[in-house]
Amino acid sequence: MGKNIIAPSLLAADFADLKSAIALCDESQAGWLHLDIMDGVFVPNISFGMPVIKAIKKETKMFLDTHLMIIDPDRYTKTFAELGVNLLTVHYEACSHLHRSIQLIKENGMQAGVAINPHTSVSLLEPVLSEIDLVCLMSVNPGFGGQKFINNTFDKVVQLRSMIQDRNLSVRIEIDGGVTDKNILDLKEHGADVFVAGSHVFKAENPVQTIKKLNYIVNE
C-alpha cells in the first residue's frame, strides 16, 4: 500500500495563478494533486473542466487524483483518461449503475474511486469494494471549499477500514474536506491514508511548509 498521502486540492488555489500553485505542489512533499470537477447540478457550484485539466497536465508529472462531483460521469470517462488522469473517483449518489461506471474507468486504464457524501452509509459500498482502489469519504457537504469538518467521519473511517481488512483488500481511504494539522493524525489513526487538504494548504502563509508538516504528522 505504501505511505500515507497528502493531496492538495487545487480548488482552494488562486485560479488566476494555477501555474504557481502547481509548481508549489510539485516542489512540496505532496504525493497527489487533487482535482475537483463540479457541474452545478450534482453540487451547487461549478469548478473547472477539461481545458484546465489539459493545462494542468502540461505543468506537472504529479499523480492526478480527479474527483467528479457531476451527474452521469460515464459520458466523460474516456476523455479524462485521454487527458492523463491517474485515478478517477465518481460519486455513489451520482451513478445509477455504479458497477458499470467502475468497469468503464478500469477499461480506460485508470484507477477507480468511489466517493460518498457525509450522510451516505459506507455499508452501501460492500458490493463494489473489491472492484475499486479508493473510497473518498466526504467530510464536508460537497460543493464548496473551506467548510467545517463533520465529526461522524471518524466512525465511518473505522467501519470502512474494518470492511476492507475483513476482505483482505488494499483499498485506500481518502478524506476530503476540513482536513487540518489538528485532525489529520486522528484520521490516520482511525484508518485513513489519503488526505485532501485545500484551504488549510493554499490559505496558509507557507503552503510548502504546511504540506511538509502534514506529511510529517502522518508518516513519521
C-alpha atoms as a PDB file:
ATOM      1  CA  MET A   1       0.000   0.000   0.000  1.00  0.00           C
ATOM      2  CA  GLY A   2       2.833   2.418   0.673  1.00  0.00           C
ATOM      3  CA  LYS A   3       2.814   5.503   2.809  1.00  0.00           C
ATOM      4  CA  ASN A   4       0.121   7.969   3.660  1.00  0.00           C
ATOM      5  CA  ILE A   5      -0.515  10.613   1.018  1.00  0.00           C
ATOM      6  CA  ILE A   6      -1.163  14.344   1.187  1.00  0.00           C
ATOM      7  CA  ALA A   7      -3.235  15.500  -1.797  1.00  0.00           C
ATOM      8  CA  PRO A   8      -3.588  19.295  -2.015  1.00  0.00           C
ATOM      9  CA  SER A   9      -6.849  20.354  -3.648  1.00  0.00           C
ATOM     10  CA  LEU A  10      -6.417  22.916  -6.410  1.00  0.00           C
ATOM     11  CA  LEU A  11      -9.989  24.080  -5.775  1.00  0.00           C
ATOM     12  CA  ALA A  12      -8.577  26.221  -2.954  1.00  0.00           C
ATOM     13  CA  ALA A  13      -5.717  27.664  -5.037  1.00  0.00           C
ATOM     14  CA  ASP A  14      -5.667  31.042  -6.747  1.00  0.00           C
ATOM     15  CA  PHE A  15      -7.280  30.318 -10.124  1.00  0.00           C
ATOM     16  CA  ALA A  16      -5.590  33.381 -11.628  1.00  0.00           C
ATOM     17  CA  ASP A  17      -2.239  31.757 -10.906  1.00  0.00           C
ATOM     18  CA  LEU A  18      -2.714  27.995 -11.099  1.00  0.00           C
ATOM     19  CA  LYS A  19       0.756  27.592 -12.598  1.00  0.00           C
ATOM     20  CA  SER A  20       2.368  28.779  -9.344  1.00  0.00           C
ATOM     21  CA  ALA A  21       0.050  26.602  -7.255  1.00  0.00           C
ATOM     22  CA  ILE A  22       1.025  23.525  -9.288  1.00  0.00           C
ATOM     23  CA  ALA A  23       4.740  24.372  -9.113  1.00  0.00           C
ATOM     24  CA  LEU A  24       4.405  24.766  -5.354  1.00  0.00           C
ATOM     25  CA  CYS A  25       2.804  21.290  -5.068  1.00  0.00           C
ATOM     26  CA  ASP A  26       5.486  19.842  -7.341  1.00  0.00           C
ATOM     27  CA  GLU A  27       8.283  21.030  -5.083  1.00  0.00           C
ATOM     28  CA  SER A  28       6.451  20.046  -1.888  1.00  0.00           C
ATOM     29  CA  GLN A  29       6.053  16.678  -0.177  1.00  0.00           C
ATOM     30  CA  ALA A  30       2.566  16.242  -1.649  1.00  0.00           C
ATOM     31  CA  GLY A  31       2.015  12.819  -3.151  1.00  0.00           C
ATOM     32  CA  TRP A  32      -1.004  13.557  -5.346  1.00  0.00           C
ATOM     33  CA  LEU A  33      -2.744  16.554  -6.861  1.00  0.00           C
ATOM     34  CA  HIS A  34      -6.485  16.559  -6.130  1.00  0.00           C
ATOM     35  CA  LEU A  35      -8.778  17.972  -8.832  1.00  0.00           C
ATOM     36  CA  ASP A  36     -12.425  18.699  -8.016  1.00  0.00           C
ATOM     37  CA  ILE A  37     -14.730  18.699 -11.042  1.00  0.00           C
ATOM     38  CA  MET A  38     -18.203  20.159 -10.350  1.00  0.00           C
ATOM     39  CA  ASP A  39     -21.134  20.597 -12.716  1.00  0.00           C
ATOM     40  CA  GLY A  40     -23.526  22.902 -10.844  1.00  0.00           C
ATOM     41  CA  VAL A  41     -26.136  20.116 -10.899  1.00  0.00           C
ATOM     42  CA  PHE A  42     -24.890  17.358  -8.587  1.00  0.00           C
ATOM     43  CA  VAL A  43     -23.389  20.055  -6.350  1.00  0.00           C
ATOM     44  CA  PRO A  44     -24.343  23.741  -6.163  1.00  0.00           C
ATOM     45  CA  ASN A  45     -21.094  25.000  -7.649  1.00  0.00           C
ATOM     46  CA  ILE A  46     -19.097  24.858 -10.890  1.00  0.00           C
ATOM     47  CA  SER A  47     -15.315  24.469 -10.769  1.00  0.00           C
ATOM     48  CA  PHE A  48     -13.281  23.673 -13.879  1.00  0.00           C
ATOM     49  CA  GLY A  49     -13.269  21.118 -16.671  1.00  0.00           C
ATOM     50  CA  MET A  50     -11.287  19.534 -19.477  1.00  0.00           C
ATOM     51  CA  PRO A  51      -9.284  22.509 -20.845  1.00  0.00           C
ATOM     52  CA  VAL A  52      -7.995  23.306 -17.350  1.00  0.00           C
ATOM     53  CA  ILE A  53      -7.009  19.680 -16.688  1.00  0.00           C
ATOM     54  CA  LYS A  54      -5.207  19.626 -20.029  1.00  0.00           C
ATOM     55  CA  ALA A  55      -3.274  22.736 -18.955  1.00  0.00           C
ATOM     56  CA  ILE A  56      -2.521  21.239 -15.521  1.00  0.00           C
ATOM     57  CA  LYS A  57      -1.169  18.048 -17.097  1.00  0.00           C
ATOM     58  CA  LYS A  58       1.314  20.091 -19.155  1.00  0.00           C
ATOM     59  CA  GLU A  59       2.664  21.677 -15.963  1.00  0.00           C
ATOM     60  CA  THR A  60       3.148  18.607 -13.774  1.00  0.00           C
ATOM     61  CA  LYS A  61       4.131  14.942 -13.621  1.00  0.00           C
ATOM     62  CA  MET A  62       2.204  14.508 -10.360  1.00  0.00           C
ATOM     63  CA  PHE A  63      -0.408  11.789  -9.874  1.00  0.00           C
ATOM     64  CA  LEU A  64      -3.770  13.345 -10.801  1.00  0.00           C
ATOM     65  CA  ASP A  65      -6.446  12.329  -8.318  1.00  0.00           C
ATOM     66  CA  THR A  66      -9.640  13.517 -10.001  1.00  0.00           C
ATOM     67  CA  HIS A  67     -12.919  13.733  -8.080  1.00  0.00           C
ATOM     68  CA  LEU A  68     -16.059  14.034 -10.205  1.00  0.00           C
ATOM     69  CA  MET A  69     -18.967  15.757  -8.480  1.00  0.00           C
ATOM     70  CA  ILE A  70     -21.115  15.524 -11.585  1.00  0.00           C
ATOM     71  CA  ILE A  71     -24.177  13.652 -12.782  1.00  0.00           C
ATOM     72  CA  ASP A  72     -23.809  10.927 -15.442  1.00  0.00           C
ATOM     73  CA  PRO A  73     -19.985  10.760 -15.179  1.00  0.00           C
ATOM     74  CA  ASP A  74     -19.724   7.896 -17.708  1.00  0.00           C
ATOM     75  CA  ARG A  75     -20.078  10.418 -20.549  1.00  0.00           C
ATOM     76  CA  TYR A  76     -16.590  11.730 -19.840  1.00  0.00           C
ATOM     77  CA  THR A  77     -14.612   8.730 -18.565  1.00  0.00           C
ATOM     78  CA  LYS A  78     -12.713   8.195 -21.819  1.00  0.00           C
ATOM     79  CA  THR A  79     -11.891  11.918 -22.084  1.00  0.00           C
ATOM     80  CA  PHE A  80     -10.440  12.008 -18.559  1.00  0.00           C
ATOM     81  CA  ALA A  81      -8.268   9.011 -19.416  1.00  0.00           C
ATOM     82  CA  GLU A  82      -7.038  10.765 -22.574  1.00  0.00           C
ATOM     83  CA  LEU A  83      -6.208  13.867 -20.506  1.00  0.00           C
ATOM     84  CA  GLY A  84      -3.851  11.783 -18.364  1.00  0.00           C
ATOM     85  CA  VAL A  85      -5.888  11.405 -15.174  1.00  0.00           C
ATOM     86  CA  ASN A  86      -4.458   8.615 -12.971  1.00  0.00           C
ATOM     87  CA  LEU A  87      -7.349   7.983 -10.588  1.00  0.00           C
ATOM     88  CA  LEU A  88     -10.960   8.837 -11.339  1.00  0.00           C
ATOM     89  CA  THR A  89     -13.460   8.995  -8.481  1.00  0.00           C
ATOM     90  CA  VAL A  90     -17.210   9.029  -9.117  1.00  0.00           C
ATOM     91  CA  HIS A  91     -19.965   9.618  -6.569  1.00  0.00           C
ATOM     92  CA  TYR A  92     -22.078   6.714  -5.371  1.00  0.00           C
ATOM     93  CA  GLU A  93     -25.043   9.106  -5.326  1.00  0.00           C
ATOM     94  CA  ALA A  94     -24.499  10.145  -8.966  1.00  0.00           C
ATOM     95  CA  CYS A  95     -24.218   6.692 -10.574  1.00  0.00           C
ATOM     96  CA  SER A  96     -27.339   4.698 -11.359  1.00  0.00           C
ATOM     97  CA  HIS A  97     -25.132   1.784 -12.494  1.00  0.00           C
ATOM     98  CA  LEU A  98     -22.131   2.088 -10.195  1.00  0.00           C
ATOM     99  CA  HIS A  99     -20.543  -1.219 -11.174  1.00  0.00           C
ATOM    100  CA  ARG A 100     -20.662  -0.258 -14.841  1.00  0.00           C
ATOM    101  CA  SER A 101     -19.102   3.136 -14.088  1.00  0.00           C
ATOM    102  CA  ILE A 102     -16.235   1.453 -12.204  1.00  0.00           C
ATOM    103  CA  GLN A 103     -15.647  -1.037 -15.034  1.00  0.00           C
ATOM    104  CA  LEU A 104     -15.531   1.820 -17.540  1.00  0.00           C
ATOM    105  CA  ILE A 105     -12.867   3.639 -15.507  1.00  0.00           C
ATOM    106  CA  LYS A 106     -10.770   0.455 -15.309  1.00  0.00           C
ATOM    107  CA  GLU A 107     -11.198  -0.324 -19.015  1.00  0.00           C
ATOM    108  CA  ASN A 108      -9.794   3.130 -19.753  1.00  0.00           C
ATOM    109  CA  GLY A 109      -6.633   2.372 -17.790  1.00  0.00           C
ATOM    110  CA  MET A 110      -7.262   4.470 -14.684  1.00  0.00           C
ATOM    111  CA  GLN A 111      -7.552   3.555 -11.029  1.00  0.00           C
ATOM    112  CA  ALA A 112     -11.146   3.730  -9.803  1.00  0.00           C
ATOM    113  CA  GLY A 113     -12.502   5.506  -6.752  1.00  0.00           C
ATOM    114  CA  VAL A 114     -15.982   5.931  -5.293  1.00  0.00           C
ATOM    115  CA  ALA A 115     -16.924   8.950  -3.169  1.00  0.00           C
ATOM    116  CA  ILE A 116     -19.797   9.105  -0.707  1.00  0.00           C
ATOM    117  CA  ASN A 117     -21.475  12.145   0.834  1.00  0.00           C
ATOM    118  CA  PRO A 118     -21.410  12.693   4.621  1.00  0.00           C
ATOM    119  CA  HIS A 119     -24.795  11.083   5.189  1.00  0.00           C
ATOM    120  CA  THR A 120     -24.374   8.080   2.891  1.00  0.00           C
ATOM    121  CA  SER A 121     -23.611   4.832   4.728  1.00  0.00           C
ATOM    122  CA  VAL A 122     -20.311   3.067   3.969  1.00  0.00           C
ATOM    123  CA  SER A 123     -22.137  -0.288   4.041  1.00  0.00           C
ATOM    124  CA  LEU A 124     -23.629   0.600   0.636  1.00  0.00           C
ATOM    125  CA  LEU A 125     -20.143   0.162  -0.868  1.00  0.00           C
ATOM    126  CA  GLU A 126     -19.942  -3.501   0.116  1.00  0.00           C
ATOM    127  CA  PRO A 127     -20.877  -4.857  -3.353  1.00  0.00           C
ATOM    128  CA  VAL A 128     -18.132  -2.872  -5.137  1.00  0.00           C
ATOM    129  CA  LEU A 129     -15.356  -2.750  -2.544  1.00  0.00           C
ATOM    130  CA  SER A 130     -13.301  -5.482  -4.217  1.00  0.00           C
ATOM    131  CA  GLU A 131     -13.506  -3.646  -7.565  1.00  0.00           C
ATOM    132  CA  ILE A 132     -12.092  -0.271  -6.513  1.00  0.00           C
ATOM    133  CA  ASP A 133      -8.783   1.294  -5.485  1.00  0.00           C
ATOM    134  CA  LEU A 134     -10.054   4.070  -3.243  1.00  0.00           C
ATOM    135  CA  VAL A 135     -13.048   5.287  -1.260  1.00  0.00           C
ATOM    136  CA  CYS A 136     -13.334   9.048  -0.832  1.00  0.00           C
ATOM    137  CA  LEU A 137     -15.248   9.951   2.324  1.00  0.00           C
ATOM    138  CA  MET A 138     -16.647  13.455   2.086  1.00  0.00           C
ATOM    139  CA  SER A 139     -16.120  15.023   5.498  1.00  0.00           C
ATOM    140  CA  VAL A 140     -17.997  18.181   4.439  1.00  0.00           C
ATOM    141  CA  ASN A 141     -21.003  18.551   2.141  1.00  0.00           C
ATOM    142  CA  PRO A 142     -19.572  18.656  -1.382  1.00  0.00           C
ATOM    143  CA  GLY A 143     -19.605  21.812  -3.460  1.00  0.00           C
ATOM    144  CA  PHE A 144     -17.515  24.408  -1.670  1.00  0.00           C
ATOM    145  CA  GLY A 145     -14.078  24.550  -0.077  1.00  0.00           C
ATOM    146  CA  GLY A 146     -13.347  25.889   3.389  1.00  0.00           C
ATOM    147  CA  GLN A 147     -16.181  24.129   5.254  1.00  0.00           C
ATOM    148  CA  LYS A 148     -16.124  22.753   8.783  1.00  0.00           C
ATOM    149  CA  PHE A 149     -15.235  19.078   9.261  1.00  0.00           C
ATOM    150  CA  ILE A 150     -18.176  16.729  10.062  1.00  0.00           C
ATOM    151  CA  ASN A 151     -17.257  14.604  13.083  1.00  0.00           C
ATOM    152  CA  ASN A 152     -19.164  11.418  12.279  1.00  0.00           C
ATOM    153  CA  THR A 153     -16.489  10.900   9.586  1.00  0.00           C
ATOM    154  CA  PHE A 154     -14.336   9.176  12.229  1.00  0.00           C
ATOM    155  CA  ASP A 155     -16.926   6.413  12.752  1.00  0.00           C
ATOM    156  CA  LYS A 156     -17.228   5.927   9.000  1.00  0.00           C
ATOM    157  CA  VAL A 157     -13.453   5.549   8.611  1.00  0.00           C
ATOM    158  CA  VAL A 158     -13.367   2.859  11.308  1.00  0.00           C
ATOM    159  CA  GLN A 159     -16.284   0.950   9.761  1.00  0.00           C
ATOM    160  CA  LEU A 160     -14.817   1.171   6.271  1.00  0.00           C
ATOM    161  CA  ARG A 161     -11.300   0.141   7.346  1.00  0.00           C
ATOM    162  CA  SER A 162     -12.813  -2.870   9.078  1.00  0.00           C
ATOM    163  CA  MET A 163     -14.764  -3.832   5.899  1.00  0.00           C
ATOM    164  CA  ILE A 164     -11.543  -3.552   3.847  1.00  0.00           C
ATOM    165  CA  GLN A 165      -9.464  -5.620   6.279  1.00  0.00           C
ATOM    166  CA  ASP A 166     -12.139  -8.312   6.633  1.00  0.00           C
ATOM    167  CA  ARG A 167     -11.920  -8.872   2.876  1.00  0.00           C
ATOM    168  CA  ASN A 168      -8.130  -8.587   2.808  1.00  0.00           C
ATOM    169  CA  LEU A 169      -8.257  -5.769   0.243  1.00  0.00           C
ATOM    170  CA  SER A 170      -5.828  -2.897  -0.321  1.00  0.00           C
ATOM    171  CA  VAL A 171      -8.339  -0.100  -0.852  1.00  0.00           C
ATOM    172  CA  ARG A 172      -7.189   3.364   0.194  1.00  0.00           C
ATOM    173  CA  ILE A 173      -9.415   5.611   2.321  1.00  0.00           C
ATOM    174  CA  GLU A 174      -9.329   9.262   1.325  1.00  0.00           C
ATOM    175  CA  ILE A 175     -10.708  12.074   3.493  1.00  0.00           C
ATOM    176  CA  ASP A 176     -11.924  15.127   1.619  1.00  0.00           C
ATOM    177  CA  GLY A 177     -12.963  18.296   3.433  1.00  0.00           C
ATOM    178  CA  GLY A 178     -11.879  20.189   6.506  1.00  0.00           C
ATOM    179  CA  VAL A 179      -8.563  18.330   6.920  1.00  0.00           C
ATOM    180  CA  THR A 180      -6.053  20.296   9.031  1.00  0.00           C
ATOM    181  CA  ASP A 181      -2.986  19.670  11.190  1.00  0.00           C
ATOM    182  CA  LYS A 182      -5.415  19.447  14.141  1.00  0.00           C
ATOM    183  CA  ASN A 183      -7.367  16.381  12.936  1.00  0.00           C
ATOM    184  CA  ILE A 184      -5.108  14.614  10.419  1.00  0.00           C
ATOM    185  CA  LEU A 185      -3.346  12.352  12.942  1.00  0.00           C
ATOM    186  CA  ASP A 186      -6.682  11.315  14.426  1.00  0.00           C
ATOM    187  CA  LEU A 187      -7.947  10.476  10.930  1.00  0.00           C
ATOM    188  CA  LYS A 188      -4.853   8.401  10.200  1.00  0.00           C
ATOM    189  CA  GLU A 189      -5.180   6.539  13.495  1.00  0.00           C
ATOM    190  CA  HIS A 190      -8.808   5.726  12.684  1.00  0.00           C
ATOM    191  CA  GLY A 191      -7.677   4.171   9.363  1.00  0.00           C
ATOM    192  CA  ALA A 192      -7.467   6.831   6.636  1.00  0.00           C
ATOM    193  CA  ASP A 193      -4.392   7.058   4.394  1.00  0.00           C
ATOM    194  CA  VAL A 194      -5.041   9.787   1.784  1.00  0.00           C
ATOM    195  CA  PHE A 195      -5.737  13.326   2.975  1.00  0.00           C
ATOM    196  CA  VAL A 196      -7.134  16.047   0.738  1.00  0.00           C
ATOM    197  CA  ALA A 197      -6.204  19.488   2.050  1.00  0.00           C
ATOM    198  CA  GLY A 198      -7.431  22.595   0.268  1.00  0.00           C
ATOM    199  CA  SER A 199      -7.875  25.795   2.251  1.00  0.00           C
ATOM    200  CA  HIS A 200      -5.535  24.595   5.011  1.00  0.00           C
ATOM    201  CA  VAL A 201      -2.708  24.435   2.438  1.00  0.00           C
ATOM    202  CA  PHE A 202      -3.434  27.243  -0.010  1.00  0.00           C
ATOM    203  CA  LYS A 203      -4.593  29.818   2.542  1.00  0.00           C
ATOM    204  CA  ALA A 204      -1.509  29.173   4.682  1.00  0.00           C
ATOM    205  CA  GLU A 205       1.334  31.663   4.940  1.00  0.00           C
ATOM    206  CA  ASN A 206       3.721  28.991   3.645  1.00  0.00           C
ATOM    207  CA  PRO A 207       1.894  26.226   1.726  1.00  0.00           C
ATOM    208  CA  VAL A 208       5.037  24.128   1.091  1.00  0.00           C
ATOM    209  CA  GLN A 209       5.858  24.141   4.810  1.00  0.00           C
ATOM    210  CA  THR A 210       2.222  23.295   5.643  1.00  0.00           C
ATOM    211  CA  ILE A 211       2.298  20.270   3.312  1.00  0.00           C
ATOM    212  CA  LYS A 212       5.623  19.211   4.853  1.00  0.00           C
ATOM    213  CA  LYS A 213       4.092  19.402   8.334  1.00  0.00           C
ATOM    214  CA  LEU A 214       1.001  17.370   7.339  1.00  0.00           C
ATOM    215  CA  ASN A 215       3.226  14.779   5.668  1.00  0.00           C
ATOM    216  CA  TYR A 216       5.428  14.563   8.752  1.00  0.00           C
ATOM    217  CA  ILE A 217       2.418  14.086  11.061  1.00  0.00           C
ATOM    218  CA  VAL A 218       1.058  11.093   9.112  1.00  0.00           C
ATOM    219  CA  ASN A 219       4.320   9.444   8.052  1.00  0.00           C
ATOM    220  CA  GLU A 220       6.753   9.800  10.974  1.00  0.00           C
END
